[in-house]
PDB file of N, CA and C in Angstrom:
ATOM      1  N   MET A   1     111.374  71.540  88.214  1.00  0.00           N
ATOM      2  CA  MET A   1     111.901  72.343  89.317  1.00  0.00           C
ATOM      3  C   MET A   1     111.555  73.824  89.125  1.00  0.00           C
ATOM      4  N   LEU A   2     111.723  74.333  87.915  1.00  0.00           N
ATOM      5  CA  LEU A   2     111.430  75.740  87.634  1.00  0.00           C
ATOM      6  C   LEU A   2     109.952  76.045  87.861  1.00  0.00           C
ATOM      7  N   LYS A   3     109.069  75.149  87.455  1.00  0.00           N
ATOM      8  CA  LYS A   3     107.629  75.355  87.650  1.00  0.00           C
ATOM      9  C   LYS A   3     107.290  75.415  89.142  1.00  0.00           C
ATOM     10  N   GLU A   4     107.953  74.585  89.913  1.00  0.00           N
ATOM     11  CA  GLU A   4     107.716  74.573  91.362  1.00  0.00           C
ATOM     12  C   GLU A   4     108.160  75.907  91.975  1.00  0.00           C
ATOM     13  N   ILE A   5     109.279  76.446  91.553  1.00  0.00           N
ATOM     14  CA  ILE A   5     109.762  77.735  92.057  1.00  0.00           C
ATOM     15  C   ILE A   5     108.800  78.851  91.655  1.00  0.00           C
ATOM     16  N   GLU A   6     108.304  78.817  90.440  1.00  0.00           N
ATOM     17  CA  GLU A   6     107.342  79.826  89.986  1.00  0.00           C
ATOM     18  C   GLU A   6     106.063  79.763  90.808  1.00  0.00           C
ATOM     19  N   ARG A   7     105.608  78.565  91.102  1.00  0.00           N
ATOM     20  CA  ARG A   7     104.406  78.391  91.918  1.00  0.00           C
ATOM     21  C   ARG A   7     104.634  78.957  93.322  1.00  0.00           C
ATOM     22  N   ILE A   8     105.773  78.680  93.881  1.00  0.00           N
ATOM     23  CA  ILE A   8     106.108  79.189  95.217  1.00  0.00           C
ATOM     24  C   ILE A   8     106.186  80.713  95.194  1.00  0.00           C
ATOM     25  N   ASN A   9     106.772  81.273  94.143  1.00  0.00           N
ATOM     26  CA  ASN A   9     106.867  82.733  94.030  1.00  0.00           C
ATOM     27  C   ASN A   9     105.492  83.386  93.944  1.00  0.00           C
ATOM     28  N   ARG A  10     104.585  82.784  93.189  1.00  0.00           N
ATOM     29  CA  ARG A  10     103.222  83.326  93.092  1.00  0.00           C
ATOM     30  C   ARG A  10     102.532  83.287  94.453  1.00  0.00           C
ATOM     31  N   ARG A  11     102.687  82.173  95.120  1.00  0.00           N
ATOM     32  CA  ARG A  11     102.060  82.019  96.432  1.00  0.00           C
ATOM     33  C   ARG A  11     102.652  83.010  97.432  1.00  0.00           C
ATOM     34  N   LEU A  12     103.956  83.177  97.406  1.00  0.00           N
ATOM     35  CA  LEU A  12     104.611  84.133  98.291  1.00  0.00           C
ATOM     36  C   LEU A  12     104.124  85.553  98.007  1.00  0.00           C
ATOM     37  N   GLY A  13     103.916  85.885  96.752  1.00  0.00           N
ATOM     38  CA  GLY A  13     103.390  87.201  96.396  1.00  0.00           C
ATOM     39  C   GLY A  13     102.013  87.436  96.999  1.00  0.00           C
ATOM     40  N   ARG A  14     101.168  86.426  96.943  1.00  0.00           N
ATOM     41  CA  ARG A  14      99.827  86.538  97.531  1.00  0.00           C
ATOM     42  C   ARG A  14      99.918  86.710  99.054  1.00  0.00           C
ATOM     43  N   ILE A  15     100.814  85.986  99.662  1.00  0.00           N
ATOM     44  CA  ILE A  15     100.995  86.094 101.118  1.00  0.00           C
ATOM     45  C   ILE A  15     101.495  87.490 101.480  1.00  0.00           C
ATOM     46  N   GLU A  16     102.445  88.014 100.714  1.00  0.00           N
ATOM     47  CA  GLU A  16     102.973  89.353 100.976  1.00  0.00           C
ATOM     48  C   GLU A  16     101.875  90.406 100.873  1.00  0.00           C
ATOM     49  N   ARG A  17     101.017  90.319  99.862  1.00  0.00           N
ATOM     50  CA  ARG A  17      99.922  91.281  99.701  1.00  0.00           C
ATOM     51  C   ARG A  17      98.934  91.179 100.864  1.00  0.00           C
ATOM     52  N   THR A  18      98.655  89.965 101.303  1.00  0.00           N
ATOM     53  CA  THR A  18      97.734  89.774 102.422  1.00  0.00           C
ATOM     54  C   THR A  18      98.299  90.378 103.700  1.00  0.00           C
ATOM     55  N   VAL A  19      99.558  90.138 103.981  1.00  0.00           N
ATOM     56  CA  VAL A  19     100.189  90.684 105.191  1.00  0.00           C
ATOM     57  C   VAL A  19     100.207  92.212 105.133  1.00  0.00           C
ATOM     58  N   GLU A  20     100.502  92.775 103.981  1.00  0.00           N
ATOM     59  CA  GLU A  20     100.520  94.228 103.835  1.00  0.00           C
ATOM     60  C   GLU A  20      99.130  94.815 104.100  1.00  0.00           C
ATOM     61  N   LYS A  21      98.091  94.187 103.548  1.00  0.00           N
ATOM     62  CA  LYS A  21      96.727  94.675 103.765  1.00  0.00           C
ATOM     63  C   LYS A  21      96.342  94.568 105.240  1.00  0.00           C
ATOM     64  N   LEU A  22      96.699  93.477 105.870  1.00  0.00           N
ATOM     65  CA  LEU A  22      96.390  93.321 107.291  1.00  0.00           C
ATOM     66  C   LEU A  22      97.103  94.375 108.130  1.00  0.00           C
ATOM     67  N   ALA A  23      98.342  94.674 107.801  1.00  0.00           N
ATOM     68  CA  ALA A  23      99.097  95.689 108.535  1.00  0.00           C
ATOM     69  C   ALA A  23      98.432  97.053 108.388  1.00  0.00           C
ATOM     70  N   ILE A  24      97.986  97.380 107.181  1.00  0.00           N
ATOM     71  CA  ILE A  24      97.305  98.651 106.948  1.00  0.00           C
ATOM     72  C   ILE A  24      95.998  98.696 107.729  1.00  0.00           C
ATOM     73  N   ASP A  25      95.249  97.609 107.724  1.00  0.00           N
ATOM     74  CA  ASP A  25      93.990  97.548 108.472  1.00  0.00           C
ATOM     75  C   ASP A  25      94.225  97.756 109.971  1.00  0.00           C
ATOM     76  N   VAL A  26      95.266  97.152 110.502  1.00  0.00           N
ATOM     77  CA  VAL A  26      95.577  97.291 111.931  1.00  0.00           C
ATOM     78  C   VAL A  26      95.958  98.739 112.232  1.00  0.00           C
ATOM     79  N   GLU A  27      96.753  99.367 111.364  1.00  0.00           N
ATOM     80  CA  GLU A  27      97.138 100.761 111.564  1.00  0.00           C
ATOM     81  C   GLU A  27      95.917 101.679 111.548  1.00  0.00           C
ATOM     82  N   GLU A  28      95.014 101.466 110.611  1.00  0.00           N
ATOM     83  CA  GLU A  28      93.812 102.289 110.526  1.00  0.00           C
ATOM     84  C   GLU A  28      92.927 102.103 111.754  1.00  0.00           C
ATOM     85  N   GLU A  29      92.792 100.881 112.207  1.00  0.00           N
ATOM     86  CA  GLU A  29      91.983 100.606 113.397  1.00  0.00           C
ATOM     87  C   GLU A  29      92.607 101.266 114.624  1.00  0.00           C
ATOM     88  N   ALA A  30      93.913 101.189 114.768  1.00  0.00           N
ATOM     89  CA  ALA A  30      94.600 101.808 115.906  1.00  0.00           C
ATOM     90  C   ALA A  30      94.429 103.323 115.865  1.00  0.00           C
ATOM     91  N   ARG A  31      94.559 103.911 114.686  1.00  0.00           N
ATOM     92  CA  ARG A  31      94.400 105.354 114.543  1.00  0.00           C
ATOM     93  C   ARG A  31      92.983 105.781 114.961  1.00  0.00           C
ATOM     94  N   SER A  32      91.989 105.024 114.515  1.00  0.00           N
ATOM     95  CA  SER A  32      90.599 105.322 114.852  1.00  0.00           C
ATOM     96  C   SER A  32      90.357 105.184 116.358  1.00  0.00           C
ATOM     97  N   PHE A  33      90.897 104.148 116.959  1.00  0.00           N
ATOM     98  CA  PHE A  33      90.750 103.894 118.392  1.00  0.00           C
ATOM     99  C   PHE A  33      91.354 105.036 119.205  1.00  0.00           C
ATOM    100  N   ILE A  34      92.570 105.431 118.846  1.00  0.00           N
ATOM    101  CA  ILE A  34      93.262 106.502 119.583  1.00  0.00           C
ATOM    102  C   ILE A  34      92.524 107.821 119.412  1.00  0.00           C
ATOM    103  N   LYS A  35      92.098 108.122 118.195  1.00  0.00           N
ATOM    104  CA  LYS A  35      91.365 109.364 117.948  1.00  0.00           C
ATOM    105  C   LYS A  35      90.095 109.402 118.787  1.00  0.00           C
ATOM    106  N   HIS A  36      89.368 108.307 118.817  1.00  0.00           N
ATOM    107  CA  HIS A  36      88.132 108.233 119.598  1.00  0.00           C
ATOM    108  C   HIS A  36      88.405 108.500 121.083  1.00  0.00           C
ATOM    109  N   HIS A  37      89.426 107.870 121.630  1.00  0.00           N
ATOM    110  CA  HIS A  37      89.726 108.035 123.050  1.00  0.00           C
ATOM    111  C   HIS A  37      90.255 109.431 123.363  1.00  0.00           C
ATOM    112  N   LEU A  38      91.018 110.018 122.452  1.00  0.00           N
ATOM    113  CA  LEU A  38      91.463 111.390 122.656  1.00  0.00           C
ATOM    114  C   LEU A  38      90.282 112.355 122.650  1.00  0.00           C
ATOM    115  N   GLU A  39      89.353 112.144 121.709  1.00  0.00           N
ATOM    116  CA  GLU A  39      88.170 113.004 121.653  1.00  0.00           C
ATOM    117  C   GLU A  39      87.314 112.853 122.897  1.00  0.00           C
ATOM    118  N   ASN A  40      87.231 111.653 123.434  1.00  0.00           N
ATOM    119  CA  ASN A  40      86.496 111.450 124.703  1.00  0.00           C
ATOM    120  C   ASN A  40      87.165 112.172 125.850  1.00  0.00           C
ATOM    121  N   ALA A  41      88.484 112.388 125.740  1.00  0.00           N
ATOM    122  CA  ALA A  41      89.228 113.111 126.768  1.00  0.00           C
ATOM    123  C   ALA A  41      89.222 114.624 126.508  1.00  0.00           C
ATOM    124  N   GLY A  42      88.502 115.049 125.450  1.00  0.00           N
ATOM    125  CA  GLY A  42      88.412 116.469 125.146  1.00  0.00           C
ATOM    126  C   GLY A  42      89.509 116.984 124.245  1.00  0.00           C
ATOM    127  N   ILE A  43      90.275 116.092 123.662  1.00  0.00           N
ATOM    128  CA  ILE A  43      91.372 116.474 122.762  1.00  0.00           C
ATOM    129  C   ILE A  43      90.934 116.174 121.340  1.00  0.00           C
ATOM    130  N   HIS A  44      90.804 117.205 120.532  1.00  0.00           N
ATOM    131  CA  HIS A  44      90.368 117.016 119.156  1.00  0.00           C
ATOM    132  C   HIS A  44      91.575 117.027 118.211  1.00  0.00           C
ATOM    133  N   VAL A  45      91.627 116.043 117.349  1.00  0.00           N
ATOM    134  CA  VAL A  45      92.736 115.926 116.411  1.00  0.00           C
ATOM    135  C   VAL A  45      92.195 115.803 114.986  1.00  0.00           C
ATOM    136  N   ASP A  46      92.981 116.256 114.036  1.00  0.00           N
ATOM    137  CA  ASP A  46      92.629 116.102 112.625  1.00  0.00           C
ATOM    138  C   ASP A  46      93.415 114.916 112.070  1.00  0.00           C
ATOM    139  N   ALA A  47      92.707 113.842 111.838  1.00  0.00           N
ATOM    140  CA  ALA A  47      93.375 112.663 111.276  1.00  0.00           C
ATOM    141  C   ALA A  47      92.368 111.788 110.597  1.00  0.00           C
TER     142      ALA A  47
END
C-alpha cells in the first residue's frame, strides 16, 4: 500500500510540474499576443 501511495505521489508531482509549465507558456504567449496587437495599434509597451 505504501509503495502504491509513493508511486501516485511521484506521478502527481510530474503532473503538477507539467500543468505549471503549461500555465507559464500560456501566459507568455498571451503577453506576446497582446504586445504585438498594441504595437500594431501604435501603443508601445515595455514587457
